[in-house]
Amino acid sequence: MNKSLEILLSKLGISKNQLGCSSGAEWFAKGEIIKSFSPVDGQKIGQIQTSTFEDYEQVLQTAEEAFVYFRTIPAPKRGELVRQFGNALRNKKDLLSQLVSWEMGKSLQEGLGEVQEMIDICDFAVGLSRQLQGTTMHSERPNHRMYEQYHPLGIVGIISAFNFPVAVWAWNTALAWICGDVTVWKPSEKTPLCSIACQKIIGTILKENNMPEGISSLLNGGAEVGQWMSEDKRIPLLSATGSTTMGKKVAQKVGARLGKCLLELGGNNALIVSPHADLKTTLLAAVFGAVGTAGQRCTSTRRLIVHESVMKQVQEKIVNAYKQLNIGNPLDSKNHVGPLIDQNSVNKYTNALKNISDEGAEWLVEGGVLSGDDYPSGCYVKPAIAKVNKDSAMAQKETFAPILYLIEYSGSIENAIAIQNDVNQGLSSAIMTQNLQEAEVFLSHWGSDCGIANVNIGTSGAEIGGAFGGEKDTGGGRESGSDAWKVYMRRQTNTINYSDELPLAQGIQFDL
């Protein structure tokens, strides 16, 4: 490990042999060892002792006890804890961002952006802590009052993916905490050190405020931890981010016990380029969407659906732009593209290249694995572009890598929308057009079937404030903004009779 990385870990309070289980500021674990290797240089960053079922039980019991107390604290006071957490993230933004880049492999600029998302959701949640409103309505019965209110659920479980190793956890926890819930987090085993850094930050804040252990808990481990959480009735809500395959397993387990799921799963996102598009902004949106985070975002642009009248121009511009991409160490600001997360992802990328070739696709920019001193981990690959027809089987799938499919359409914008919607996933979508009618059709109820639909911006780069999530195989969950807070609470309808009589609803008569 290089000296600067050692110093970074030290400043974040992380040891080389780190216990991976925590309920606040206390650390423990008796499970197997997992090692964290950086995709940047292939070197070991540290090792983590994972959670046993005994550790899991300790965490859940502590969380249950914490919830009994935490739910009694007024929401604005819970918001104060989140405010302090946001400020702590501001103070450690540079350090945490660097760790995200080292352990996940995204560019430092994207790492900074991810931590900023954490700060932004804290700011959002603090304001929301004074706005957890119900609804008052008129009763049909005289001298009756009706209203709806929201109460904390209890323990919220969070399963997060490697590609956003800190932000997605914060999206969930910031809202869950102001709602009065406590959280138990199972991070990706590919990015365990990021989770430990986050838990250490919030653990310190909870201790300084004399809050009980268990408001924020961490369980590092493999798939078995996710299974325990899925089957545990003590966890009324389980938020899971990852592949559609994983999400379906979680949904079956949680559904079997009639629990609630918040699922953020796969995306196969398309950017439509109409004849009325501004090609300068189109190029920027398409390239960042396709190669940002090395194509490992759930909102990455996978398909570029281009009208035949501008196909030649778009094709020339994007091929030329790809020639200018710098691939290498993501902590070097001159590089646009960093590595894939690990060798397994590289293998999936190379298999996808072969399958695309077998389909007879036309390669506009050929892919491949990079080697040499500048690419020491073996996880660096070339962003690739394949020109395919709309019926391509590979274009129906989500390959978590920088592979872009170029698809031509003709006729009206409805034809492009039909191609876009003809996949199983429904997360993010975008259209580039200066034509108001096309934009409105795209946004209509017969337009894009995705949870996110953008006009004249790309598919990637969601903003705090708007609810994030998608339909179909993306899972239907919503988190991060708008009224997403309601999923972290239980809804209750109340009717108060302040008369001396007992009139029944619907005019029913029942006399004694």
Protein backbone atom coordinates (compact mmCIF):
# COMPACT_ATOMS: atom_id res chain seq x y z
CA MET A 1 0.00 0.00 0.00
CA ASN A 2 1.32 3.44 -0.84
CA LYS A 3 2.06 5.90 1.96
CA SER A 4 -0.64 8.43 0.99
CA LEU A 5 -3.32 5.75 1.18
CA GLU A 6 -2.08 4.67 4.62
CA ILE A 7 -2.35 8.26 5.82
CA LEU A 8 -5.84 8.54 4.32
CA LEU A 9 -7.08 5.44 6.16
CA SER A 10 -5.51 6.66 9.39
CA LYS A 11 -7.29 10.02 9.16
CA LEU A 12 -10.58 8.17 8.67
CA GLY A 13 -9.85 5.98 11.70
CA ILE A 14 -9.61 2.74 9.70
CA SER A 15 -7.07 0.07 10.63
CA LYS A 16 -5.48 -2.47 8.25
CA ASN A 17 -7.22 -5.29 10.14
CA GLN A 18 -10.62 -3.79 10.73
CA LEU A 19 -13.59 -5.31 12.54
CA GLY A 20 -16.54 -4.98 10.16
CA CYS A 21 -19.57 -4.98 12.45
CA SER A 22 -20.83 -2.04 14.51
CA SER A 23 -23.83 -0.70 16.42
CA GLY A 24 -22.83 2.91 16.75
CA ALA A 25 -19.29 3.48 18.02
CA GLU A 26 -18.71 -0.10 19.22
CA TRP A 27 -16.90 -2.51 16.85
CA PHE A 28 -17.00 -6.30 16.87
CA ALA A 29 -17.05 -9.28 14.50
CA LYS A 30 -16.18 -12.97 14.66
CA GLY A 31 -16.70 -14.02 11.05
CA GLU A 32 -14.47 -14.73 8.08
CA ILE A 33 -11.91 -12.31 6.67
CA ILE A 34 -12.57 -10.48 3.42
CA LYS A 35 -9.90 -8.41 1.72
CA SER A 36 -10.38 -5.15 -0.11
CA PHE A 37 -8.29 -4.70 -3.25
CA SER A 38 -8.17 -1.42 -5.12
CA PRO A 39 -9.14 -1.63 -8.81
CA VAL A 40 -6.86 1.40 -9.30
CA ASP A 41 -3.58 -0.48 -8.80
CA GLY A 42 -4.62 -3.98 -7.73
CA GLN A 43 -3.07 -3.56 -4.30
CA LYS A 44 -4.65 -4.69 -1.06
CA ILE A 45 -6.08 -1.76 0.90
CA GLY A 46 -7.06 -3.64 4.03
CA GLN A 47 -8.95 -6.61 5.41
CA ILE A 48 -12.21 -6.83 7.30
CA GLN A 49 -13.56 -9.41 9.70
CA THR A 50 -17.17 -10.10 8.74
CA SER A 51 -20.32 -10.72 10.76
CA THR A 52 -21.47 -14.06 12.11
CA PHE A 53 -25.11 -14.82 12.83
CA GLU A 54 -24.30 -14.21 16.49
CA ASP A 55 -23.03 -10.74 15.56
CA TYR A 56 -26.17 -10.20 13.50
CA GLU A 57 -28.40 -11.06 16.44
CA GLN A 58 -26.48 -8.66 18.67
CA VAL A 59 -26.94 -5.87 16.13
CA LEU A 60 -30.68 -6.51 15.71
CA GLN A 61 -31.30 -6.63 19.45
CA THR A 62 -29.37 -3.39 19.95
CA ALA A 63 -31.28 -1.76 17.09
CA GLU A 64 -34.63 -2.81 18.57
CA GLU A 65 -33.71 -1.26 21.90
CA ALA A 66 -32.50 1.93 20.22
CA PHE A 67 -35.74 2.29 18.25
CA VAL A 68 -37.87 2.24 21.41
CA TYR A 69 -36.01 5.37 22.54
CA PHE A 70 -35.33 7.06 19.19
CA ARG A 71 -38.98 7.14 18.09
CA THR A 72 -39.84 9.29 21.13
CA ILE A 73 -37.45 12.07 20.12
CA PRO A 74 -39.22 14.89 18.23
CA ALA A 75 -38.52 14.82 14.50
CA PRO A 76 -36.77 18.23 14.45
CA LYS A 77 -34.41 16.95 17.17
CA ARG A 78 -33.68 13.89 15.03
CA GLY A 79 -33.06 16.34 12.21
CA GLU A 80 -30.42 18.01 14.34
CA LEU A 81 -28.45 14.76 14.42
CA VAL A 82 -28.67 14.57 10.62
CA ARG A 83 -27.51 18.20 10.40
CA GLN A 84 -24.43 17.35 12.45
CA PHE A 85 -23.80 14.33 10.25
CA GLY A 86 -23.97 16.53 7.13
CA ASN A 87 -21.46 18.95 8.63
CA ALA A 88 -19.13 16.09 9.54
CA LEU A 89 -19.31 14.94 5.92
CA ARG A 90 -18.40 18.45 4.80
CA ASN A 91 -15.32 18.31 7.02
CA LYS A 92 -14.29 14.90 5.70
CA LYS A 93 -15.47 15.31 2.11
CA ASP A 94 -11.99 15.21 0.56
CA LEU A 95 -10.90 12.20 2.62
CA LEU A 96 -14.04 10.15 2.02
CA SER A 97 -14.06 11.03 -1.68
CA GLN A 98 -10.50 9.79 -2.07
CA LEU A 99 -11.39 6.52 -0.34
CA VAL A 100 -14.38 6.06 -2.68
CA SER A 101 -12.05 6.53 -5.66
CA TRP A 102 -9.42 4.16 -4.33
CA GLU A 103 -11.80 1.38 -3.32
CA MET A 104 -14.47 1.66 -6.04
CA GLY A 105 -12.40 3.07 -8.90
CA LYS A 106 -14.53 6.04 -9.97
CA SER A 107 -12.84 9.35 -10.79
CA LEU A 108 -12.05 11.67 -7.92
CA GLN A 109 -14.49 14.22 -9.37
CA GLU A 110 -17.23 11.59 -9.24
CA GLY A 111 -16.14 10.61 -5.73
CA LEU A 112 -16.47 14.24 -4.65
CA GLY A 113 -19.87 14.33 -6.30
CA GLU A 114 -20.99 11.22 -4.46
CA VAL A 115 -20.07 12.63 -1.05
CA GLN A 116 -21.78 15.89 -2.02
CA GLU A 117 -24.93 13.84 -2.63
CA MET A 118 -24.65 12.65 0.97
CA ILE A 119 -24.38 16.23 2.17
CA ASP A 120 -27.30 17.31 -0.01
CA ILE A 121 -29.61 14.57 1.25
CA CYS A 122 -28.74 15.55 4.83
CA ASP A 123 -29.72 19.16 4.08
CA PHE A 124 -32.94 17.93 2.45
CA ALA A 125 -33.75 15.69 5.41
CA VAL A 126 -33.11 18.40 8.00
CA GLY A 127 -35.73 20.63 6.37
CA LEU A 128 -38.07 17.69 5.98
CA SER A 129 -37.84 16.92 9.70
CA ARG A 130 -40.22 19.85 10.24
CA GLN A 131 -42.50 18.86 7.35
CA LEU A 132 -43.63 15.27 8.08
CA GLN A 133 -47.19 16.25 7.43
CA GLY A 134 -50.40 14.29 7.49
CA THR A 135 -53.79 15.18 5.99
CA THR A 136 -56.94 16.53 7.62
CA MET A 137 -60.29 15.73 5.95
CA HIS A 138 -63.99 16.29 6.59
CA SER A 139 -66.06 13.47 8.03
CA GLU A 140 -69.55 12.68 6.74
CA ARG A 141 -70.62 12.28 10.37
CA PRO A 142 -71.42 15.39 12.45
CA ASN A 143 -68.99 16.39 15.17
CA HIS A 144 -66.30 14.03 13.89
CA ARG A 145 -62.80 14.85 12.78
CA MET A 146 -60.70 12.70 10.45
CA TYR A 147 -57.02 12.89 9.67
CA GLU A 148 -54.06 10.79 8.58
CA GLN A 149 -50.66 10.72 10.21
CA TYR A 150 -47.38 8.87 9.81
CA HIS A 151 -45.41 6.92 12.42
CA PRO A 152 -41.91 5.38 12.39
CA LEU A 153 -41.66 1.84 11.05
CA GLY A 154 -38.85 0.49 13.22
CA ILE A 155 -35.67 -1.07 11.85
CA VAL A 156 -34.90 -0.21 8.23
CA GLY A 157 -32.50 -2.62 6.53
CA ILE A 158 -30.27 -1.32 3.74
CA ILE A 159 -28.43 -3.43 1.17
CA SER A 160 -26.24 -1.29 -1.08
CA ALA A 161 -24.13 -1.91 -4.19
CA PHE A 162 -20.47 -1.22 -4.93
CA ASN A 163 -20.99 1.46 -7.59
CA PHE A 164 -22.26 4.08 -5.13
CA PRO A 165 -20.66 2.76 -1.94
CA VAL A 166 -21.68 5.67 0.32
CA ALA A 167 -24.39 7.83 -1.32
CA VAL A 168 -27.18 5.24 -1.55
CA TRP A 169 -26.79 4.39 2.13
CA ALA A 170 -27.07 8.10 2.97
CA TRP A 171 -30.15 8.50 0.75
CA ASN A 172 -31.88 5.90 2.92
CA THR A 173 -30.49 6.67 6.35
CA ALA A 174 -30.96 10.43 6.31
CA LEU A 175 -34.67 10.01 5.57
CA ALA A 176 -35.12 6.98 7.83
CA TRP A 177 -33.51 8.77 10.79
CA ILE A 178 -35.66 11.89 10.58
CA CYS A 179 -38.70 9.58 10.34
CA GLY A 180 -37.69 8.00 13.66
CA ASP A 181 -36.39 4.71 12.29
CA VAL A 182 -33.07 3.07 13.06
CA THR A 183 -30.97 1.53 10.29
CA VAL A 184 -28.97 -1.63 9.71
CA TRP A 185 -26.64 -1.53 6.71
CA LYS A 186 -25.18 -4.40 4.70
CA PRO A 187 -22.77 -2.82 2.19
CA SER A 188 -21.22 -4.50 -0.84
CA GLU A 189 -18.39 -6.83 0.11
CA LYS A 190 -16.44 -5.15 -2.74
CA THR A 191 -16.32 -1.80 -0.92
CA PRO A 192 -16.30 -2.53 2.82
CA LEU A 193 -13.85 0.20 3.88
CA CYS A 194 -16.16 2.93 2.57
CA SER A 195 -18.92 1.62 4.83
CA ILE A 196 -16.60 1.54 7.82
CA ALA A 197 -15.57 5.17 7.23
CA CYS A 198 -19.24 6.24 7.15
CA GLN A 199 -20.12 4.30 10.29
CA LYS A 200 -17.19 5.80 12.17
CA ILE A 201 -18.38 9.31 11.27
CA ILE A 202 -21.98 8.78 12.41
CA GLY A 203 -20.88 6.68 15.39
CA THR A 204 -18.89 9.62 16.75
CA ILE A 205 -21.86 11.97 16.36
CA LEU A 206 -24.22 9.59 18.15
CA LYS A 207 -21.76 9.22 21.01
CA GLU A 208 -21.25 12.98 21.32
CA ASN A 209 -25.04 13.42 21.56
CA ASN A 210 -25.45 10.64 24.14
CA MET A 211 -27.60 8.65 21.77
CA PRO A 212 -27.97 4.89 22.26
CA GLU A 213 -26.05 2.31 20.29
CA GLY A 214 -28.11 0.87 17.46
CA ILE A 215 -29.48 3.97 15.73
CA SER A 216 -26.95 3.28 12.98
CA SER A 217 -25.60 -0.26 12.60
CA LEU A 218 -23.25 -1.92 10.11
CA LEU A 219 -22.99 -5.58 9.08
CA ASN A 220 -20.18 -6.38 6.66
CA GLY A 221 -20.41 -9.81 5.10
CA GLY A 222 -21.55 -11.84 2.13
CA ALA A 223 -24.90 -12.77 0.65
CA GLU A 224 -25.87 -14.65 3.81
CA VAL A 225 -26.23 -11.33 5.68
CA GLY A 226 -28.69 -10.11 3.06
CA GLN A 227 -30.62 -13.37 3.40
CA TRP A 228 -30.84 -13.00 7.19
CA MET A 229 -32.19 -9.49 6.74
CA SER A 230 -34.67 -10.56 4.05
CA GLU A 231 -36.18 -13.23 6.28
CA ASP A 232 -36.22 -11.22 9.52
CA LYS A 233 -39.65 -10.01 10.65
CA ARG A 234 -37.96 -7.47 12.91
CA ILE A 235 -37.06 -5.51 9.76
CA PRO A 236 -40.36 -4.13 8.40
CA LEU A 237 -38.66 -2.36 5.46
CA LEU A 238 -35.71 -3.60 3.44
CA SER A 239 -34.18 -1.23 0.90
CA ALA A 240 -32.05 -3.11 -1.64
CA THR A 241 -29.95 -1.69 -4.46
CA GLY A 242 -28.30 -3.97 -7.00
CA SER A 243 -29.05 -6.33 -9.85
CA THR A 244 -32.55 -7.38 -10.85
CA THR A 245 -31.62 -10.99 -10.04
CA MET A 246 -30.69 -10.02 -6.49
CA GLY A 247 -33.79 -7.87 -6.11
CA LYS A 248 -36.15 -10.65 -7.12
CA LYS A 249 -34.65 -12.93 -4.45
CA VAL A 250 -35.00 -10.21 -1.82
CA ALA A 251 -38.59 -9.46 -2.87
CA GLN A 252 -39.59 -13.12 -2.61
CA LYS A 253 -38.13 -13.49 0.89
CA VAL A 254 -39.55 -10.21 2.20
CA GLY A 255 -42.89 -10.77 0.49
CA ALA A 256 -43.23 -14.20 2.06
CA ARG A 257 -43.32 -12.51 5.47
CA LEU A 258 -45.47 -9.61 4.17
CA GLY A 259 -42.70 -7.10 4.73
CA LYS A 260 -42.05 -4.00 2.64
CA CYS A 261 -39.35 -3.61 -0.02
CA LEU A 262 -37.77 -0.56 -1.59
CA LEU A 263 -36.00 -1.90 -4.69
CA GLU A 264 -33.55 0.02 -6.89
CA LEU A 265 -32.42 -2.49 -9.51
CA GLY A 266 -31.08 -2.65 -13.07
CA GLY A 267 -31.27 -0.05 -15.81
CA ASN A 268 -30.95 -0.22 -19.59
CA ASN A 269 -31.16 3.47 -20.26
CA ALA A 270 -31.64 5.13 -23.63
CA LEU A 271 -30.89 8.59 -24.95
CA ILE A 272 -33.04 9.52 -27.95
CA VAL A 273 -31.49 11.95 -30.46
CA SER A 274 -34.17 13.56 -32.61
CA PRO A 275 -33.63 15.50 -35.88
CA HIS A 276 -34.19 18.64 -33.78
CA ALA A 277 -31.41 17.93 -31.23
CA ASP A 278 -28.61 20.34 -30.43
CA LEU A 279 -25.70 18.04 -31.27
CA LYS A 280 -23.16 19.86 -29.07
CA THR A 281 -25.06 19.18 -25.85
CA THR A 282 -26.08 15.76 -27.19
CA LEU A 283 -22.45 14.75 -27.48
CA LEU A 284 -21.61 15.75 -23.91
CA ALA A 285 -24.67 14.00 -22.50
CA ALA A 286 -24.06 10.81 -24.47
CA VAL A 287 -20.34 10.49 -23.71
CA PHE A 288 -20.58 11.19 -19.97
CA GLY A 289 -23.64 8.95 -19.69
CA ALA A 290 -21.86 6.07 -21.42
CA VAL A 291 -18.36 6.23 -19.90
CA GLY A 292 -18.88 7.92 -16.51
CA THR A 293 -17.96 5.55 -13.67
CA ALA A 294 -16.72 3.24 -16.47
CA GLY A 295 -20.34 2.47 -17.34
CA GLN A 296 -21.05 1.15 -13.84
CA ARG A 297 -23.95 3.43 -12.96
CA CYS A 298 -27.48 2.11 -12.90
CA THR A 299 -28.32 5.25 -14.90
CA SER A 300 -25.48 4.83 -17.43
CA THR A 301 -26.48 5.40 -21.06
CA ARG A 302 -26.56 1.97 -22.70
CA ARG A 303 -28.46 2.81 -25.90
CA LEU A 304 -28.23 5.82 -28.20
CA ILE A 305 -31.35 5.88 -30.39
CA VAL A 306 -30.65 8.28 -33.27
CA HIS A 307 -32.87 9.51 -36.11
CA GLU A 308 -31.63 8.47 -39.53
CA SER A 309 -31.35 12.10 -40.69
CA VAL A 310 -28.66 12.92 -38.09
CA MET A 311 -27.12 9.46 -37.66
CA LYS A 312 -24.05 10.21 -39.78
CA GLN A 313 -23.27 13.42 -37.87
CA VAL A 314 -23.83 11.85 -34.46
CA GLN A 315 -21.76 8.81 -35.37
CA GLU A 316 -18.80 10.89 -36.55
CA LYS A 317 -18.90 13.18 -33.50
CA ILE A 318 -19.12 10.44 -30.89
CA VAL A 319 -16.43 8.29 -32.50
CA ASN A 320 -14.13 11.31 -32.57
CA ALA A 321 -14.95 12.10 -28.92
CA TYR A 322 -14.06 8.55 -27.85
CA LYS A 323 -10.63 9.01 -29.44
CA GLN A 324 -10.03 11.85 -26.99
CA LEU A 325 -10.89 9.87 -23.85
CA ASN A 326 -8.07 9.34 -21.37
CA ILE A 327 -8.19 6.04 -19.49
CA GLY A 328 -6.18 5.50 -16.33
CA ASN A 329 -5.78 6.20 -12.63
CA PRO A 330 -9.08 7.80 -11.54
CA LEU A 331 -7.33 10.00 -8.99
CA ASP A 332 -5.50 11.75 -11.84
CA SER A 333 -7.78 14.58 -12.97
CA LYS A 334 -6.70 14.32 -16.62
CA ASN A 335 -8.30 10.87 -16.94
CA HIS A 336 -11.95 10.50 -17.95
CA VAL A 337 -12.36 6.75 -17.38
CA GLY A 338 -11.14 4.60 -14.51
CA PRO A 339 -11.22 0.83 -13.99
CA LEU A 340 -14.01 -1.68 -13.63
CA ILE A 341 -14.48 -2.85 -10.05
CA ASP A 342 -12.84 -6.29 -10.35
CA GLN A 343 -11.79 -9.14 -12.62
CA ASN A 344 -15.26 -10.66 -12.61
CA SER A 345 -16.62 -7.45 -14.14
CA VAL A 346 -13.85 -7.52 -16.73
CA ASN A 347 -14.84 -11.07 -17.67
CA LYS A 348 -18.48 -10.03 -18.11
CA TYR A 349 -17.31 -7.14 -20.31
CA THR A 350 -15.19 -9.38 -22.57
CA ASN A 351 -17.99 -11.95 -22.82
CA ALA A 352 -20.37 -9.18 -23.86
CA LEU A 353 -17.94 -8.03 -26.58
CA LYS A 354 -17.84 -11.56 -27.97
CA ASN A 355 -21.62 -11.93 -27.92
CA ILE A 356 -22.07 -8.58 -29.65
CA SER A 357 -19.65 -9.64 -32.38
CA ASP A 358 -21.48 -12.95 -32.75
CA GLU A 359 -24.65 -10.98 -33.44
CA GLY A 360 -22.95 -9.36 -36.41
CA ALA A 361 -22.81 -5.86 -34.96
CA GLU A 362 -20.72 -3.14 -36.60
CA TRP A 363 -17.99 -1.95 -34.26
CA LEU A 364 -17.56 1.81 -34.45
CA VAL A 365 -15.14 1.82 -31.52
CA GLU A 366 -13.66 -1.54 -30.59
CA GLY A 367 -13.26 -2.57 -26.99
CA GLY A 368 -10.63 -4.59 -25.17
CA VAL A 369 -8.75 -4.99 -21.92
CA LEU A 370 -5.79 -2.65 -21.36
CA SER A 371 -2.46 -3.84 -20.01
CA GLY A 372 0.90 -2.32 -19.15
CA ASP A 373 2.35 -0.15 -16.41
CA ASP A 374 -0.44 2.44 -16.70
CA TYR A 375 -3.08 -0.22 -16.03
CA PRO A 376 -1.59 -2.30 -13.18
CA SER A 377 -4.79 -3.87 -11.83
CA GLY A 378 -5.92 -5.55 -15.05
CA CYS A 379 -9.34 -3.90 -14.58
CA TYR A 380 -9.00 -1.12 -17.16
CA VAL A 381 -11.00 -1.56 -20.37
CA LYS A 382 -11.70 0.44 -23.51
CA PRO A 383 -15.12 2.10 -23.86
CA ALA A 384 -16.73 0.56 -26.94
CA ILE A 385 -19.48 1.51 -29.38
CA ALA A 386 -21.43 -1.04 -31.43
CA LYS A 387 -23.96 -0.18 -34.12
CA VAL A 388 -26.83 -2.65 -33.82
CA ASN A 389 -30.42 -3.00 -35.01
CA LYS A 390 -33.36 -2.43 -32.68
CA ASP A 391 -33.89 -6.19 -32.24
CA SER A 392 -30.39 -6.87 -30.89
CA ALA A 393 -30.55 -9.38 -28.04
CA MET A 394 -27.48 -7.87 -26.35
CA ALA A 395 -29.03 -4.39 -26.39
CA GLN A 396 -31.87 -5.85 -24.33
CA LYS A 397 -29.48 -6.65 -21.48
CA GLU A 398 -27.65 -4.53 -18.95
CA THR A 399 -23.89 -5.00 -19.13
CA PHE A 400 -22.32 -3.08 -16.25
CA ALA A 401 -19.47 -1.75 -18.38
CA PRO A 402 -18.75 1.07 -20.89
CA ILE A 403 -20.46 -0.49 -23.93
CA LEU A 404 -22.77 1.79 -25.93
CA TYR A 405 -25.24 0.56 -28.55
CA LEU A 406 -26.04 2.88 -31.45
CA ILE A 407 -29.53 2.24 -32.86
CA GLU A 408 -31.11 4.05 -35.80
CA TYR A 409 -34.77 4.98 -36.04
CA SER A 410 -36.90 6.55 -38.75
CA GLY A 411 -40.20 8.36 -38.85
CA SER A 412 -41.83 9.98 -35.83
CA ILE A 413 -40.66 10.32 -32.27
CA GLU A 414 -43.18 7.64 -31.27
CA ASN A 415 -41.02 5.12 -33.13
CA ALA A 416 -37.99 6.05 -31.05
CA ILE A 417 -39.98 5.87 -27.82
CA ALA A 418 -41.24 2.41 -28.76
CA ILE A 419 -37.65 1.21 -29.20
CA GLN A 420 -36.65 2.80 -25.91
CA ASN A 421 -39.50 1.19 -23.98
CA ASP A 422 -38.99 -2.25 -25.53
CA VAL A 423 -36.71 -3.54 -22.76
CA ASN A 424 -37.44 -5.10 -19.37
CA GLN A 425 -35.86 -2.27 -17.38
CA GLY A 426 -37.40 1.15 -16.75
CA LEU A 427 -35.04 3.36 -14.79
CA SER A 428 -33.78 6.41 -16.68
CA SER A 429 -34.45 7.90 -20.11
CA ALA A 430 -33.73 11.11 -22.00
CA ILE A 431 -34.47 12.89 -25.25
CA MET A 432 -32.39 15.54 -26.98
CA THR A 433 -34.70 17.83 -28.95
CA GLN A 434 -35.50 21.51 -29.45
CA ASN A 435 -39.00 20.56 -30.62
CA LEU A 436 -41.58 21.24 -27.90
CA GLN A 437 -44.09 18.77 -29.29
CA GLU A 438 -41.54 15.93 -29.27
CA ALA A 439 -40.54 16.76 -25.70
CA GLU A 440 -44.14 16.76 -24.50
CA VAL A 441 -44.93 13.46 -26.23
CA PHE A 442 -41.84 11.94 -24.59
CA LEU A 443 -43.05 13.10 -21.16
CA SER A 444 -46.69 12.11 -21.69
CA HIS A 445 -48.32 9.01 -20.22
CA TRP A 446 -47.90 7.30 -23.59
CA GLY A 447 -44.26 8.37 -23.79
CA SER A 448 -41.28 7.13 -21.74
CA ASP A 449 -42.18 4.31 -19.35
CA CYS A 450 -39.22 5.02 -17.06
CA GLY A 451 -39.17 6.43 -13.55
CA ILE A 452 -36.85 9.19 -14.78
CA ALA A 453 -37.46 11.03 -18.05
CA ASN A 454 -35.21 13.97 -18.98
CA VAL A 455 -35.28 16.51 -21.77
CA ASN A 456 -32.00 17.94 -23.11
CA ILE A 457 -29.88 16.38 -20.39
CA GLY A 458 -28.50 12.83 -20.20
CA THR A 459 -29.73 9.73 -18.42
CA SER A 460 -27.09 9.91 -15.70
CA GLY A 461 -26.74 12.31 -12.80
CA ALA A 462 -29.84 12.48 -10.60
CA GLU A 463 -30.36 15.45 -8.31
CA ILE A 464 -31.41 15.38 -4.66
CA GLY A 465 -34.99 16.58 -4.29
CA GLY A 466 -36.62 14.51 -7.01
CA ALA A 467 -37.62 10.93 -6.21
CA PHE A 468 -35.14 8.46 -7.69
CA GLY A 469 -36.20 5.06 -9.04
CA GLY A 470 -37.76 3.16 -11.91
CA GLU A 471 -40.41 0.76 -13.12
CA LYS A 472 -40.58 -2.80 -14.49
CA ASP A 473 -37.42 -4.80 -13.67
CA THR A 474 -35.95 -1.73 -11.97
CA GLY A 475 -38.18 -2.60 -9.03
CA GLY A 476 -40.57 0.32 -8.55
CA GLY A 477 -38.82 1.83 -5.54
CA ARG A 478 -38.39 5.56 -4.92
CA GLU A 479 -35.83 7.15 -2.65
CA SER A 480 -33.83 10.33 -2.09
CA GLY A 481 -36.40 13.12 -2.59
CA SER A 482 -39.98 14.37 -2.98
CA ASP A 483 -42.36 12.32 -0.78
CA ALA A 484 -40.09 9.26 -0.69
CA TRP A 485 -39.98 9.71 3.11
CA LYS A 486 -43.42 8.09 3.34
CA VAL A 487 -42.04 4.63 2.53
CA TYR A 488 -40.01 4.78 5.77
CA MET A 489 -43.16 5.30 7.86
CA ARG A 490 -46.43 3.54 8.57
CA ARG A 491 -49.63 5.34 7.67
CA GLN A 492 -52.51 5.66 10.08
CA THR A 493 -56.07 7.02 9.63
CA ASN A 494 -57.67 8.56 12.72
CA THR A 495 -61.30 9.45 13.42
CA ILE A 496 -62.29 11.39 16.54
CA ASN A 497 -65.90 11.61 17.72
CA TYR A 498 -66.45 14.64 19.94
CA SER A 499 -70.25 14.33 20.10
CA ASP A 500 -72.54 12.63 22.63
CA GLU A 501 -73.87 10.26 19.99
CA LEU A 502 -72.52 7.44 17.84
CA PRO A 503 -73.60 7.95 14.24
CA LEU A 504 -72.31 5.23 11.92
CA ALA A 505 -70.73 5.75 8.52
CA GLN A 506 -72.79 5.22 5.36
CA GLY A 507 -75.95 6.03 7.38
CA ILE A 508 -76.14 2.57 8.93
CA GLN A 509 -78.70 2.30 11.72
CA PHE A 510 -77.97 0.13 14.74
CA ASP A 511 -80.22 0.79 17.70
CA LEU A 512 -80.39 -1.00 21.03
